[in-house]
Amino acid sequence: MKKKILITIIAAVAALAVPICFCIWFLSGTGSGYYYTRIDNTDVKQVDSRDGVIDFQGGMPYSYTLPSYSENGGEKEITFGASRELTEGAFIRLTVKPIRGVTAWEEVQYEELPAAVQNCYPVS
C-alpha cells in the first residue's frame, strides 16, 4: 500500500515538473541568439489580415524573408514581420528564440556587426 502511494506521489510530481520546467525554459529565452541581415525591399511582402487565424508574424503588415547570418557567419533564411517598410540596405540584428522565432529586431551600423558577418557583407 505504501509503495502504491509513493509511486502515485512521484508520478504526480513528475507530471507537474515537466510542464513547469518547459515554461521556465520557454520564458527564459535559453537558446536564443542573434542573426544579422541586410534589408532588401524588393522581396518584402504585404500581409493581409488573417481573420482570427494564428499569425506568427505578430500581426505585422510587412513580411521579410532574408538570408541572415549568425555571429559566427552561419547562414539561415529567416522570416520576420515589421510594422513598416524598413530602410533599404539597413543592417538589422534579429533576436531569434527557439519555437517563437524572431521576437525583436533593431537597426545596427556596419561597424557593430561581428567580424564573421562583416565578411558576408563586404563594404562597397
PDB file of N, CA and C in Angstrom:
ATOM      1  N   MET A   1       0.818  -1.194   0.000  1.00  0.00           N
ATOM      2  CA  MET A   1       0.000   0.000   0.000  1.00  0.00           C
ATOM      3  C   MET A   1       0.867   1.265   0.000  1.00  0.00           C
ATOM      4  N   LYS A   2       1.882   1.268   0.875  1.00  0.00           N
ATOM      5  CA  LYS A   2       2.774   2.430   0.938  1.00  0.00           C
ATOM      6  C   LYS A   2       3.524   2.613  -0.373  1.00  0.00           C
ATOM      7  N   LYS A   3       3.883   1.504  -1.003  1.00  0.00           N
ATOM      8  CA  LYS A   3       4.596   1.567  -2.276  1.00  0.00           C
ATOM      9  C   LYS A   3       3.724   2.210  -3.361  1.00  0.00           C
ATOM     10  N   LYS A   4       2.444   1.863  -3.374  1.00  0.00           N
ATOM     11  CA  LYS A   4       1.498   2.418  -4.341  1.00  0.00           C
ATOM     12  C   LYS A   4       1.357   3.932  -4.154  1.00  0.00           C
ATOM     13  N   ILE A   5       1.250   4.365  -2.904  1.00  0.00           N
ATOM     14  CA  ILE A   5       1.116   5.801  -2.606  1.00  0.00           C
ATOM     15  C   ILE A   5       2.378   6.546  -3.021  1.00  0.00           C
ATOM     16  N   LEU A   6       3.546   5.987  -2.746  1.00  0.00           N
ATOM     17  CA  LEU A   6       4.812   6.608  -3.111  1.00  0.00           C
ATOM     18  C   LEU A   6       4.939   6.741  -4.628  1.00  0.00           C
ATOM     19  N   ILE A   7       4.570   5.705  -5.359  1.00  0.00           N
ATOM     20  CA  ILE A   7       4.618   5.743  -6.821  1.00  0.00           C
ATOM     21  C   ILE A   7       3.659   6.805  -7.353  1.00  0.00           C
ATOM     22  N   THR A   8       2.470   6.926  -6.779  1.00  0.00           N
ATOM     23  CA  THR A   8       1.495   7.931  -7.188  1.00  0.00           C
ATOM     24  C   THR A   8       2.038   9.337  -6.949  1.00  0.00           C
ATOM     25  N   ILE A   9       2.653   9.555  -5.811  1.00  0.00           N
ATOM     26  CA  ILE A   9       3.218  10.877  -5.490  1.00  0.00           C
ATOM     27  C   ILE A   9       4.348  11.219  -6.455  1.00  0.00           C
ATOM     28  N   ILE A  10       5.219  10.277  -6.732  1.00  0.00           N
ATOM     29  CA  ILE A  10       6.328  10.517  -7.675  1.00  0.00           C
ATOM     30  C   ILE A  10       5.786  10.824  -9.064  1.00  0.00           C
ATOM     31  N   ALA A  11       4.780  10.098  -9.512  1.00  0.00           N
ATOM     32  CA  ALA A  11       4.178  10.334 -10.826  1.00  0.00           C
ATOM     33  C   ALA A  11       3.533  11.715 -10.888  1.00  0.00           C
ATOM     34  N   ALA A  12       2.870  12.129  -9.824  1.00  0.00           N
ATOM     35  CA  ALA A  12       2.229  13.449  -9.788  1.00  0.00           C
ATOM     36  C   ALA A  12       3.271  14.558  -9.832  1.00  0.00           C
ATOM     37  N   VAL A  13       4.338  14.409  -9.082  1.00  0.00           N
ATOM     38  CA  VAL A  13       5.412  15.416  -9.079  1.00  0.00           C
ATOM     39  C   VAL A  13       6.046  15.505 -10.466  1.00  0.00           C
ATOM     40  N   ALA A  14       6.311  14.373 -11.094  1.00  0.00           N
ATOM     41  CA  ALA A  14       6.899  14.366 -12.436  1.00  0.00           C
ATOM     42  C   ALA A  14       5.951  14.994 -13.454  1.00  0.00           C
ATOM     43  N   ALA A  15       4.655  14.699 -13.323  1.00  0.00           N
ATOM     44  CA  ALA A  15       3.663  15.258 -14.251  1.00  0.00           C
ATOM     45  C   ALA A  15       3.595  16.781 -14.125  1.00  0.00           C
ATOM     46  N   LEU A  16       3.839  17.322 -12.957  1.00  0.00           N
ATOM     47  CA  LEU A  16       3.850  18.772 -12.763  1.00  0.00           C
ATOM     48  C   LEU A  16       5.197  19.389 -13.125  1.00  0.00           C
ATOM     49  N   ALA A  17       6.280  18.673 -12.885  1.00  0.00           N
ATOM     50  CA  ALA A  17       7.620  19.215 -13.100  1.00  0.00           C
ATOM     51  C   ALA A  17       7.925  19.454 -14.579  1.00  0.00           C
ATOM     52  N   VAL A  18       7.492  18.548 -15.432  1.00  0.00           N
ATOM     53  CA  VAL A  18       7.792  18.668 -16.861  1.00  0.00           C
ATOM     54  C   VAL A  18       7.202  19.949 -17.449  1.00  0.00           C
ATOM     55  N   PRO A  19       5.908  20.251 -17.308  1.00  0.00           N
ATOM     56  CA  PRO A  19       5.393  21.492 -17.892  1.00  0.00           C
ATOM     57  C   PRO A  19       5.962  22.745 -17.219  1.00  0.00           C
ATOM     58  N   ILE A  20       6.236  22.666 -15.937  1.00  0.00           N
ATOM     59  CA  ILE A  20       6.811  23.830 -15.248  1.00  0.00           C
ATOM     60  C   ILE A  20       8.209  24.115 -15.786  1.00  0.00           C
ATOM     61  N   CYS A  21       9.012  23.076 -15.936  1.00  0.00           N
ATOM     62  CA  CYS A  21      10.362  23.258 -16.487  1.00  0.00           C
ATOM     63  C   CYS A  21      10.303  23.786 -17.921  1.00  0.00           C
ATOM     64  N   PHE A  22       9.367  23.270 -18.721  1.00  0.00           N
ATOM     65  CA  PHE A  22       9.221  23.762 -20.089  1.00  0.00           C
ATOM     66  C   PHE A  22       8.867  25.242 -20.096  1.00  0.00           C
ATOM     67  N   CYS A  23       7.949  25.655 -19.261  1.00  0.00           N
ATOM     68  CA  CYS A  23       7.550  27.074 -19.193  1.00  0.00           C
ATOM     69  C   CYS A  23       8.720  27.959 -18.775  1.00  0.00           C
ATOM     70  N   ILE A  24       9.483  27.513 -17.804  1.00  0.00           N
ATOM     71  CA  ILE A  24      10.651  28.288 -17.368  1.00  0.00           C
ATOM     72  C   ILE A  24      11.647  28.416 -18.514  1.00  0.00           C
ATOM     73  N   TRP A  25      11.919  27.322 -19.217  1.00  0.00           N
ATOM     74  CA  TRP A  25      12.838  27.354 -20.349  1.00  0.00           C
ATOM     75  C   TRP A  25      12.305  28.266 -21.453  1.00  0.00           C
ATOM     76  N   PHE A  26      11.024  28.140 -21.758  1.00  0.00           N
ATOM     77  CA  PHE A  26      10.397  28.912 -22.834  1.00  0.00           C
ATOM     78  C   PHE A  26      10.459  30.405 -22.556  1.00  0.00           C
ATOM     79  N   LEU A  27      10.158  30.796 -21.336  1.00  0.00           N
ATOM     80  CA  LEU A  27      10.126  32.216 -20.979  1.00  0.00           C
ATOM     81  C   LEU A  27      11.512  32.805 -20.739  1.00  0.00           C
ATOM     82  N   SER A  28      12.473  31.980 -20.391  1.00  0.00           N
ATOM     83  CA  SER A  28      13.809  32.494 -20.077  1.00  0.00           C
ATOM     84  C   SER A  28      14.587  32.912 -21.315  1.00  0.00           C
ATOM     85  N   GLY A  29      14.251  32.367 -22.461  1.00  0.00           N
ATOM     86  CA  GLY A  29      14.980  32.713 -23.677  1.00  0.00           C
ATOM     87  C   GLY A  29      16.246  31.889 -23.858  1.00  0.00           C
ATOM     88  N   THR A  30      16.425  30.854 -23.058  1.00  0.00           N
ATOM     89  CA  THR A  30      17.594  29.996 -23.203  1.00  0.00           C
ATOM     90  C   THR A  30      17.646  29.444 -24.619  1.00  0.00           C
ATOM     91  N   GLY A  31      18.795  29.513 -25.231  1.00  0.00           N
ATOM     92  CA  GLY A  31      18.953  29.023 -26.590  1.00  0.00           C
ATOM     93  C   GLY A  31      18.694  30.086 -27.640  1.00  0.00           C
ATOM     94  N   SER A  32      18.379  31.315 -27.195  1.00  0.00           N
ATOM     95  CA  SER A  32      18.147  32.373 -28.163  1.00  0.00           C
ATOM     96  C   SER A  32      19.481  32.903 -28.674  1.00  0.00           C
ATOM     97  N   GLY A  33      19.437  33.559 -29.794  1.00  0.00           N
ATOM     98  CA  GLY A  33      20.657  34.106 -30.377  1.00  0.00           C
ATOM     99  C   GLY A  33      20.343  35.256 -31.303  1.00  0.00           C
ATOM    100  N   TYR A  34      21.405  35.843 -31.811  1.00  0.00           N
ATOM    101  CA  TYR A  34      21.262  36.964 -32.734  1.00  0.00           C
ATOM    102  C   TYR A  34      21.628  36.520 -34.141  1.00  0.00           C
ATOM    103  N   TYR A  35      20.885  37.029 -35.100  1.00  0.00           N
ATOM    104  CA  TYR A  35      21.201  36.879 -36.506  1.00  0.00           C
ATOM    105  C   TYR A  35      21.218  38.270 -37.113  1.00  0.00           C
ATOM    106  N   TYR A  36      21.991  38.433 -38.163  1.00  0.00           N
ATOM    107  CA  TYR A  36      22.144  39.737 -38.800  1.00  0.00           C
ATOM    108  C   TYR A  36      21.777  39.613 -40.264  1.00  0.00           C
ATOM    109  N   THR A  37      21.094  40.640 -40.778  1.00  0.00           N
ATOM    110  CA  THR A  37      20.694  40.633 -42.179  1.00  0.00           C
ATOM    111  C   THR A  37      20.732  42.051 -42.719  1.00  0.00           C
ATOM    112  N   ARG A  38      20.659  42.147 -44.028  1.00  0.00           N
ATOM    113  CA  ARG A  38      20.603  43.443 -44.704  1.00  0.00           C
ATOM    114  C   ARG A  38      19.257  43.526 -45.414  1.00  0.00           C
ATOM    115  N   ILE A  39      18.573  44.626 -45.235  1.00  0.00           N
ATOM    116  CA  ILE A  39      17.227  44.802 -45.788  1.00  0.00           C
ATOM    117  C   ILE A  39      17.268  44.938 -47.304  1.00  0.00           C
ATOM    118  N   ASP A  40      16.428  44.151 -47.951  1.00  0.00           N
ATOM    119  CA  ASP A  40      16.235  44.185 -49.400  1.00  0.00           C
ATOM    120  C   ASP A  40      14.731  44.302 -49.628  1.00  0.00           C
ATOM    121  N   ASN A  41      14.278  45.509 -49.958  1.00  0.00           N
ATOM    122  CA  ASN A  41      12.842  45.752 -50.101  1.00  0.00           C
ATOM    123  C   ASN A  41      12.249  45.222 -51.400  1.00  0.00           C
ATOM    124  N   THR A  42      13.067  44.629 -52.270  1.00  0.00           N
ATOM    125  CA  THR A  42      12.493  44.056 -53.493  1.00  0.00           C
ATOM    126  C   THR A  42      11.708  42.786 -53.186  1.00  0.00           C
ATOM    127  N   ASP A  43      11.977  42.170 -52.033  1.00  0.00           N
ATOM    128  CA  ASP A  43      11.290  40.921 -51.671  1.00  0.00           C
ATOM    129  C   ASP A  43      10.294  41.076 -50.530  1.00  0.00           C
ATOM    130  N   VAL A  44      10.024  42.303 -50.091  1.00  0.00           N
ATOM    131  CA  VAL A  44       9.077  42.498 -48.990  1.00  0.00           C
ATOM    132  C   VAL A  44       7.673  42.168 -49.479  1.00  0.00           C
ATOM    133  N   LYS A  45       6.894  41.546 -48.583  1.00  0.00           N
ATOM    134  CA  LYS A  45       5.509  41.207 -48.923  1.00  0.00           C
ATOM    135  C   LYS A  45       4.580  41.918 -47.959  1.00  0.00           C
ATOM    136  N   GLN A  46       3.497  42.443 -48.494  1.00  0.00           N
ATOM    137  CA  GLN A  46       2.460  42.998 -47.630  1.00  0.00           C
ATOM    138  C   GLN A  46       1.505  41.878 -47.290  1.00  0.00           C
ATOM    139  N   VAL A  47       1.258  41.703 -45.992  1.00  0.00           N
ATOM    140  CA  VAL A  47       0.440  40.611 -45.495  1.00  0.00           C
ATOM    141  C   VAL A  47      -0.932  41.154 -45.130  1.00  0.00           C
ATOM    142  N   ASP A  48      -1.969  40.497 -45.625  1.00  0.00           N
ATOM    143  CA  ASP A  48      -3.336  40.885 -45.292  1.00  0.00           C
ATOM    144  C   ASP A  48      -3.720  40.344 -43.925  1.00  0.00           C
ATOM    145  N   SER A  49      -4.803  40.849 -43.400  1.00  0.00           N
ATOM    146  CA  SER A  49      -5.354  40.346 -42.140  1.00  0.00           C
ATOM    147  C   SER A  49      -5.663  38.869 -42.298  1.00  0.00           C
ATOM    148  N   ARG A  50      -5.473  38.119 -41.231  1.00  0.00           N
ATOM    149  CA  ARG A  50      -5.701  36.673 -41.289  1.00  0.00           C
ATOM    150  C   ARG A  50      -7.039  36.274 -40.676  1.00  0.00           C
ATOM    151  N   ASP A  51      -7.879  37.235 -40.355  1.00  0.00           N
ATOM    152  CA  ASP A  51      -9.228  36.985 -39.841  1.00  0.00           C
ATOM    153  C   ASP A  51      -9.275  35.973 -38.697  1.00  0.00           C
ATOM    154  N   GLY A  52      -8.474  36.207 -37.667  1.00  0.00           N
ATOM    155  CA  GLY A  52      -8.533  35.360 -36.484  1.00  0.00           C
ATOM    156  C   GLY A  52      -7.660  34.126 -36.521  1.00  0.00           C
ATOM    157  N   VAL A  53      -7.039  33.845 -37.668  1.00  0.00           N
ATOM    158  CA  VAL A  53      -6.149  32.698 -37.756  1.00  0.00           C
ATOM    159  C   VAL A  53      -4.844  33.073 -37.057  1.00  0.00           C
ATOM    160  N   ILE A  54      -4.217  32.126 -36.390  1.00  0.00           N
ATOM    161  CA  ILE A  54      -2.964  32.406 -35.691  1.00  0.00           C
ATOM    162  C   ILE A  54      -1.959  32.982 -36.689  1.00  0.00           C
ATOM    163  N   ASP A  55      -1.385  34.124 -36.328  1.00  0.00           N
ATOM    164  CA  ASP A  55      -0.458  34.843 -37.188  1.00  0.00           C
ATOM    165  C   ASP A  55       0.901  34.881 -36.511  1.00  0.00           C
ATOM    166  N   PHE A  56       1.844  34.101 -37.017  1.00  0.00           N
ATOM    167  CA  PHE A  56       3.158  34.024 -36.402  1.00  0.00           C
ATOM    168  C   PHE A  56       4.014  35.250 -36.689  1.00  0.00           C
ATOM    169  N   GLN A  57       3.545  36.187 -37.489  1.00  0.00           N
ATOM    170  CA  GLN A  57       4.267  37.425 -37.744  1.00  0.00           C
ATOM    171  C   GLN A  57       3.847  38.516 -36.770  1.00  0.00           C
ATOM    172  N   GLY A  58       2.983  38.223 -35.826  1.00  0.00           N
ATOM    173  CA  GLY A  58       2.588  39.196 -34.817  1.00  0.00           C
ATOM    174  C   GLY A  58       1.661  40.270 -35.341  1.00  0.00           C
ATOM    175  N   GLY A  59       0.948  40.009 -36.412  1.00  0.00           N
ATOM    176  CA  GLY A  59       0.017  40.987 -36.954  1.00  0.00           C
ATOM    177  C   GLY A  59       0.699  42.095 -37.727  1.00  0.00           C
ATOM    178  N   MET A  60       1.955  41.923 -38.042  1.00  0.00           N
ATOM    179  CA  MET A  60       2.710  42.945 -38.761  1.00  0.00           C
ATOM    180  C   MET A  60       2.326  42.920 -40.242  1.00  0.00           C
ATOM    181  N   PRO A  61       2.099  44.098 -40.835  1.00  0.00           N
ATOM    182  CA  PRO A  61       1.647  44.126 -42.228  1.00  0.00           C
ATOM    183  C   PRO A  61       2.732  43.864 -43.273  1.00  0.00           C
ATOM    184  N   TYR A  62       4.003  43.894 -42.884  1.00  0.00           N
ATOM    185  CA  TYR A  62       5.089  43.640 -43.830  1.00  0.00           C
ATOM    186  C   TYR A  62       5.853  42.387 -43.400  1.00  0.00           C
ATOM    187  N   SER A  63       6.161  41.538 -44.349  1.00  0.00           N
ATOM    188  CA  SER A  63       6.870  40.294 -44.067  1.00  0.00           C
ATOM    189  C   SER A  63       8.151  40.238 -44.899  1.00  0.00           C
ATOM    190  N   TYR A  64       9.255  39.975 -44.225  1.00  0.00           N
ATOM    191  CA  TYR A  64      10.560  39.847 -44.871  1.00  0.00           C
ATOM    192  C   TYR A  64      11.054  38.417 -44.704  1.00  0.00           C
ATOM    193  N   THR A  65      11.584  37.845 -45.772  1.00  0.00           N
ATOM    194  CA  THR A  65      12.288  36.567 -45.716  1.00  0.00           C
ATOM    195  C   THR A  65      13.642  36.818 -46.359  1.00  0.00           C
ATOM    196  N   LEU A  66      14.675  36.854 -45.507  1.00  0.00           N
ATOM    197  CA  LEU A  66      16.003  37.250 -45.979  1.00  0.00           C
ATOM    198  C   LEU A  66      17.077  36.287 -45.484  1.00  0.00           C
ATOM    199  N   PRO A  67      18.162  36.158 -46.263  1.00  0.00           N
ATOM    200  CA  PRO A  67      19.294  35.387 -45.754  1.00  0.00           C
ATOM    201  C   PRO A  67      19.884  36.139 -44.560  1.00  0.00           C
ATOM    202  N   SER A  68      20.132  35.425 -43.484  1.00  0.00           N
ATOM    203  CA  SER A  68      20.643  36.031 -42.260  1.00  0.00           C
ATOM    204  C   SER A  68      21.843  35.229 -41.793  1.00  0.00           C
ATOM    205  N   TYR A  69      22.699  35.878 -40.998  1.00  0.00           N
ATOM    206  CA  TYR A  69      23.937  35.241 -40.568  1.00  0.00           C
ATOM    207  C   TYR A  69      24.061  35.290 -39.053  1.00  0.00           C
ATOM    208  N   SER A  70      24.474  34.153 -38.476  1.00  0.00           N
ATOM    209  CA  SER A  70      24.706  34.088 -37.031  1.00  0.00           C
ATOM    210  C   SER A  70      26.006  34.815 -36.719  1.00  0.00           C
ATOM    211  N   GLU A  71      26.309  34.952 -35.443  1.00  0.00           N
ATOM    212  CA  GLU A  71      27.508  35.668 -35.026  1.00  0.00           C
ATOM    213  C   GLU A  71      28.792  35.022 -35.533  1.00  0.00           C
ATOM    214  N   ASN A  72      28.731  33.716 -35.858  1.00  0.00           N
ATOM    215  CA  ASN A  72      29.924  33.045 -36.386  1.00  0.00           C
ATOM    216  C   ASN A  72      29.879  32.907 -37.907  1.00  0.00           C
ATOM    217  N   GLY A  73      28.879  33.514 -38.555  1.00  0.00           N
ATOM    218  CA  GLY A  73      28.810  33.526 -40.016  1.00  0.00           C
ATOM    219  C   GLY A  73      27.958  32.443 -40.641  1.00  0.00           C
ATOM    220  N   GLY A  74      27.303  31.611 -39.835  1.00  0.00           N
ATOM    221  CA  GLY A  74      26.429  30.572 -40.383  1.00  0.00           C
ATOM    222  C   GLY A  74      25.180  31.180 -41.008  1.00  0.00           C
ATOM    223  N   GLU A  75      24.838  30.748 -42.213  1.00  0.00           N
ATOM    224  CA  GLU A  75      23.701  31.330 -42.939  1.00  0.00           C
ATOM    225  C   GLU A  75      22.407  30.565 -42.679  1.00  0.00           C
ATOM    226  N   LYS A  76      21.311  31.332 -42.593  1.00  0.00           N
ATOM    227  CA  LYS A  76      19.985  30.753 -42.392  1.00  0.00           C
ATOM    228  C   LYS A  76      18.971  31.752 -42.955  1.00  0.00           C
ATOM    229  N   GLU A  77      17.974  31.256 -43.667  1.00  0.00           N
ATOM    230  CA  GLU A  77      16.918  32.128 -44.174  1.00  0.00           C
ATOM    231  C   GLU A  77      15.882  32.314 -43.074  1.00  0.00           C
ATOM    232  N   ILE A  78      15.604  33.570 -42.717  1.00  0.00           N
ATOM    233  CA  ILE A  78      14.699  33.865 -41.609  1.00  0.00           C
ATOM    234  C   ILE A  78      13.586  34.783 -42.089  1.00  0.00           C
ATOM    235  N   THR A  79      12.370  34.490 -41.631  1.00  0.00           N
ATOM    236  CA  THR A  79      11.209  35.321 -41.922  1.00  0.00           C
ATOM    237  C   THR A  79      10.819  36.084 -40.663  1.00  0.00           C
ATOM    238  N   PHE A  80      10.554  37.380 -40.826  1.00  0.00           N
ATOM    239  CA  PHE A  80      10.119  38.199 -39.696  1.00  0.00           C
ATOM    240  C   PHE A  80       9.193  39.296 -40.202  1.00  0.00           C
ATOM    241  N   GLY A  81       8.422  39.841 -39.291  1.00  0.00           N
ATOM    242  CA  GLY A  81       7.457  40.874 -39.643  1.00  0.00           C
ATOM    243  C   GLY A  81       7.915  42.247 -39.186  1.00  0.00           C
ATOM    244  N   ALA A  82       7.348  43.266 -39.813  1.00  0.00           N
ATOM    245  CA  ALA A  82       7.635  44.650 -39.445  1.00  0.00           C
ATOM    246  C   ALA A  82       6.362  45.463 -39.611  1.00  0.00           C
ATOM    247  N   SER A  83       6.253  46.524 -38.836  1.00  0.00           N
ATOM    248  CA  SER A  83       5.067  47.372 -38.894  1.00  0.00           C
ATOM    249  C   SER A  83       5.136  48.373 -40.045  1.00  0.00           C
ATOM    250  N   ARG A  84       6.312  48.492 -40.642  1.00  0.00           N
ATOM    251  CA  ARG A  84       6.508  49.427 -41.756  1.00  0.00           C
ATOM    252  C   ARG A  84       7.561  48.853 -42.693  1.00  0.00           C
ATOM    253  N   GLU A  85       7.674  49.447 -43.865  1.00  0.00           N
ATOM    254  CA  GLU A  85       8.727  49.044 -44.777  1.00  0.00           C
ATOM    255  C   GLU A  85      10.040  49.591 -44.229  1.00  0.00           C
ATOM    256  N   LEU A  86      11.039  48.734 -44.114  1.00  0.00           N
ATOM    257  CA  LEU A  86      12.305  49.121 -43.496  1.00  0.00           C
ATOM    258  C   LEU A  86      13.234  49.799 -44.505  1.00  0.00           C
ATOM    259  N   THR A  87      14.226  50.500 -43.994  1.00  0.00           N
ATOM    260  CA  THR A  87      15.163  51.252 -44.827  1.00  0.00           C
ATOM    261  C   THR A  87      15.994  50.315 -45.696  1.00  0.00           C
ATOM    262  N   GLU A  88      15.954  50.542 -46.994  1.00  0.00           N
ATOM    263  CA  GLU A  88      16.705  49.736 -47.954  1.00  0.00           C
ATOM    264  C   GLU A  88      18.194  49.743 -47.598  1.00  0.00           C
ATOM    265  N   GLY A  89      18.803  48.566 -47.541  1.00  0.00           N
ATOM    266  CA  GLY A  89      20.235  48.441 -47.280  1.00  0.00           C
ATOM    267  C   GLY A  89      20.634  48.508 -45.816  1.00  0.00           C
ATOM    268  N   ALA A  90      19.675  48.748 -44.919  1.00  0.00           N
ATOM    269  CA  ALA A  90      19.995  48.844 -43.490  1.00  0.00           C
ATOM    270  C   ALA A  90      20.366  47.470 -42.953  1.00  0.00           C
ATOM    271  N   PHE A  91      21.276  47.451 -41.986  1.00  0.00           N
ATOM    272  CA  PHE A  91      21.638  46.204 -41.305  1.00  0.00           C
ATOM    273  C   PHE A  91      20.750  46.052 -40.081  1.00  0.00           C
ATOM    274  N   ILE A  92      20.243  44.841 -39.893  1.00  0.00           N
ATOM    275  CA  ILE A  92      19.295  44.564 -38.815  1.00  0.00           C
ATOM    276  C   ILE A  92      19.832  43.402 -37.969  1.00  0.00           C
ATOM    277  N   ARG A  93      19.731  43.569 -36.641  1.00  0.00           N
ATOM    278  CA  ARG A  93      20.049  42.457 -35.725  1.00  0.00           C
ATOM    279  C   ARG A  93      18.728  41.868 -35.266  1.00  0.00           C
ATOM    280  N   LEU A  94      18.529  40.588 -35.552  1.00  0.00           N
ATOM    281  CA  LEU A  94      17.313  39.874 -35.189  1.00  0.00           C
ATOM    282  C   LEU A  94      17.560  39.068 -33.917  1.00  0.00           C
ATOM    283  N   THR A  95      16.641  39.158 -32.967  1.00  0.00           N
ATOM    284  CA  THR A  95      16.692  38.300 -31.789  1.00  0.00           C
ATOM    285  C   THR A  95      15.799  37.105 -32.085  1.00  0.00           C
ATOM    286  N   VAL A  96      16.407  35.924 -32.145  1.00  0.00           N
ATOM    287  CA  VAL A  96      15.690  34.708 -32.526  1.00  0.00           C
ATOM    288  C   VAL A  96      15.677  33.754 -31.338  1.00  0.00           C
ATOM    289  N   LYS A  97      14.469  33.310 -30.964  1.00  0.00           N
ATOM    290  CA  LYS A  97      14.304  32.383 -29.840  1.00  0.00           C
ATOM    291  C   LYS A  97      13.735  31.066 -30.350  1.00  0.00           C
ATOM    292  N   PRO A  98      14.114  29.954 -29.695  1.00  0.00           N
ATOM    293  CA  PRO A  98      13.571  28.662 -30.111  1.00  0.00           C
ATOM    294  C   PRO A  98      12.044  28.666 -30.045  1.00  0.00           C
ATOM    295  N   ILE A  99      11.421  28.009 -30.941  1.00  0.00           N
ATOM    296  CA  ILE A  99       9.974  27.853 -31.075  1.00  0.00           C
ATOM    297  C   ILE A  99       9.315  29.165 -31.474  1.00  0.00           C
ATOM    298  N   ARG A 100       9.616  30.251 -30.798  1.00  0.00           N
ATOM    299  CA  ARG A 100       8.943  31.532 -31.030  1.00  0.00           C
ATOM    300  C   ARG A 100       9.445  32.268 -32.263  1.00  0.00           C
ATOM    301  N   GLY A 101      10.667  31.998 -32.700  1.00  0.00           N
ATOM    302  CA  GLY A 101      11.230  32.675 -33.863  1.00  0.00           C
ATOM    303  C   GLY A 101      11.729  34.067 -33.515  1.00  0.00           C
ATOM    304  N   VAL A 102      11.580  35.006 -34.450  1.00  0.00           N
ATOM    305  CA  VAL A 102      12.074  36.370 -34.251  1.00  0.00           C
ATOM    306  C   VAL A 102      11.146  37.092 -33.279  1.00  0.00           C
ATOM    307  N   THR A 103      11.726  37.557 -32.183  1.00  0.00           N
ATOM    308  CA  THR A 103      10.932  38.267 -31.176  1.00  0.00           C
ATOM    309  C   THR A 103      11.224  39.758 -31.175  1.00  0.00           C
ATOM    310  N   ALA A 104      12.338  40.168 -31.785  1.00  0.00           N
ATOM    311  CA  ALA A 104      12.680  41.598 -31.840  1.00  0.00           C
ATOM    312  C   ALA A 104      13.723  41.811 -32.935  1.00  0.00           C
ATOM    313  N   TRP A 105      13.787  43.040 -33.408  1.00  0.00           N
ATOM    314  CA  TRP A 105      14.830  43.418 -34.349  1.00  0.00           C
ATOM    315  C   TRP A 105      15.211  44.864 -34.083  1.00  0.00           C
ATOM    316  N   GLU A 106      16.437  45.211 -34.434  1.00  0.00           N
ATOM    317  CA  GLU A 106      16.861  46.596 -34.330  1.00  0.00           C
ATOM    318  C   GLU A 106      17.911  46.886 -35.393  1.00  0.00           C
ATOM    319  N   GLU A 107      17.912  48.123 -35.869  1.00  0.00           N
ATOM    320  CA  GLU A 107      18.873  48.535 -36.880  1.00  0.00           C
ATOM    321  C   GLU A 107      20.226  48.749 -36.215  1.00  0.00           C
ATOM    322  N   VAL A 108      21.284  48.260 -36.862  1.00  0.00           N
ATOM    323  CA  VAL A 108      22.647  48.436 -36.359  1.00  0.00           C
ATOM    324  C   VAL A 108      23.533  48.964 -37.481  1.00  0.00           C
ATOM    325  N   GLN A 109      24.658  49.526 -37.107  1.00  0.00           N
ATOM    326  CA  GLN A 109      25.631  50.031 -38.078  1.00  0.00           C
ATOM    327  C   GLN A 109      26.555  48.892 -38.514  1.00  0.00           C
ATOM    328  N   TYR A 110      27.159  49.038 -39.663  1.00  0.00           N
ATOM    329  CA  TYR A 110      28.068  48.022 -40.196  1.00  0.00           C
ATOM    330  C   TYR A 110      29.167  47.695 -39.186  1.00  0.00           C
ATOM    331  N   GLU A 111      29.691  48.702 -38.518  1.00  0.00           N
ATOM    332  CA  GLU A 111      30.781  48.519 -37.559  1.00  0.00           C
ATOM    333  C   GLU A 111      30.357  47.669 -36.356  1.00  0.00           C
ATOM    334  N   GLU A 112      29.057  47.591 -36.084  1.00  0.00           N
ATOM    335  CA  GLU A 112      28.545  46.805 -34.965  1.00  0.00           C
ATOM    336  C   GLU A 112      28.364  45.331 -35.300  1.00  0.00           C
ATOM    337  N   LEU A 113      28.474  44.972 -36.572  1.00  0.00           N
ATOM    338  CA  LEU A 113      28.329  43.579 -36.990  1.00  0.00           C
ATOM    339  C   LEU A 113      29.548  42.782 -36.535  1.00  0.00           C
ATOM    340  N   PRO A 114      29.356  41.539 -36.112  1.00  0.00           N
ATOM    341  CA  PRO A 114      30.505  40.683 -35.796  1.00  0.00           C
ATOM    342  C   PRO A 114      31.385  40.522 -37.044  1.00  0.00           C
ATOM    343  N   ALA A 115      32.676  40.297 -36.842  1.00  0.00           N
ATOM    344  CA  ALA A 115      33.627  40.194 -37.956  1.00  0.00           C
ATOM    345  C   ALA A 115      33.199  39.142 -38.979  1.00  0.00           C
ATOM    346  N   ALA A 116      32.703  38.004 -38.512  1.00  0.00           N
ATOM    347  CA  ALA A 116      32.285  36.939 -39.441  1.00  0.00           C
ATOM    348  C   ALA A 116      31.122  37.402 -40.319  1.00  0.00           C
ATOM    349  N   VAL A 117      30.247  38.229 -39.767  1.00  0.00           N
ATOM    350  CA  VAL A 117      29.109  38.741 -40.533  1.00  0.00           C
ATOM    351  C   VAL A 117      29.571  39.828 -41.506  1.00  0.00           C
ATOM    352  N   GLN A 118      30.517  40.654 -41.071  1.00  0.00           N
ATOM    353  CA  GLN A 118      31.058  41.688 -41.968  1.00  0.00           C
ATOM    354  C   GLN A 118      31.663  41.058 -43.221  1.00  0.00           C
ATOM    355  N   ASN A 119      32.267  39.880 -43.075  1.00  0.00           N
ATOM    356  CA  ASN A 119      32.841  39.185 -44.238  1.00  0.00           C
ATOM    357  C   ASN A 119      31.750  38.771 -45.220  1.00  0.00           C
ATOM    358  N   CYS A 120      30.523  38.575 -44.761  1.00  0.00           N
ATOM    359  CA  CYS A 120      29.406  38.198 -45.628  1.00  0.00           C
ATOM    360  C   CYS A 120      28.848  39.407 -46.387  1.00  0.00           C
ATOM    361  N   TYR A 121      29.127  40.595 -45.880  1.00  0.00           N
ATOM    362  CA  TYR A 121      28.654  41.846 -46.494  1.00  0.00           C
ATOM    363  C   TYR A 121      29.849  42.773 -46.724  1.00  0.00           C
ATOM    364  N   PRO A 122      30.642  42.517 -47.763  1.00  0.00           N
ATOM    365  CA  PRO A 122      31.798  43.376 -47.993  1.00  0.00           C
ATOM    366  C   PRO A 122      31.380  44.830 -48.234  1.00  0.00           C
ATOM    367  N   VAL A 123      32.198  45.755 -47.754  1.00  0.00           N
ATOM    368  CA  VAL A 123      31.908  47.186 -47.932  1.00  0.00           C
ATOM    369  C   VAL A 123      32.062  47.519 -49.410  1.00  0.00           C
ATOM    370  N   SER A 124      31.049  48.220 -49.940  1.00  0.00           N
ATOM    371  CA  SER A 124      31.117  48.574 -51.368  1.00  0.00           C
ATOM    372  C   SER A 124      31.320  50.046 -51.549  1.00  0.00           C
TER     373      SER A 124
END
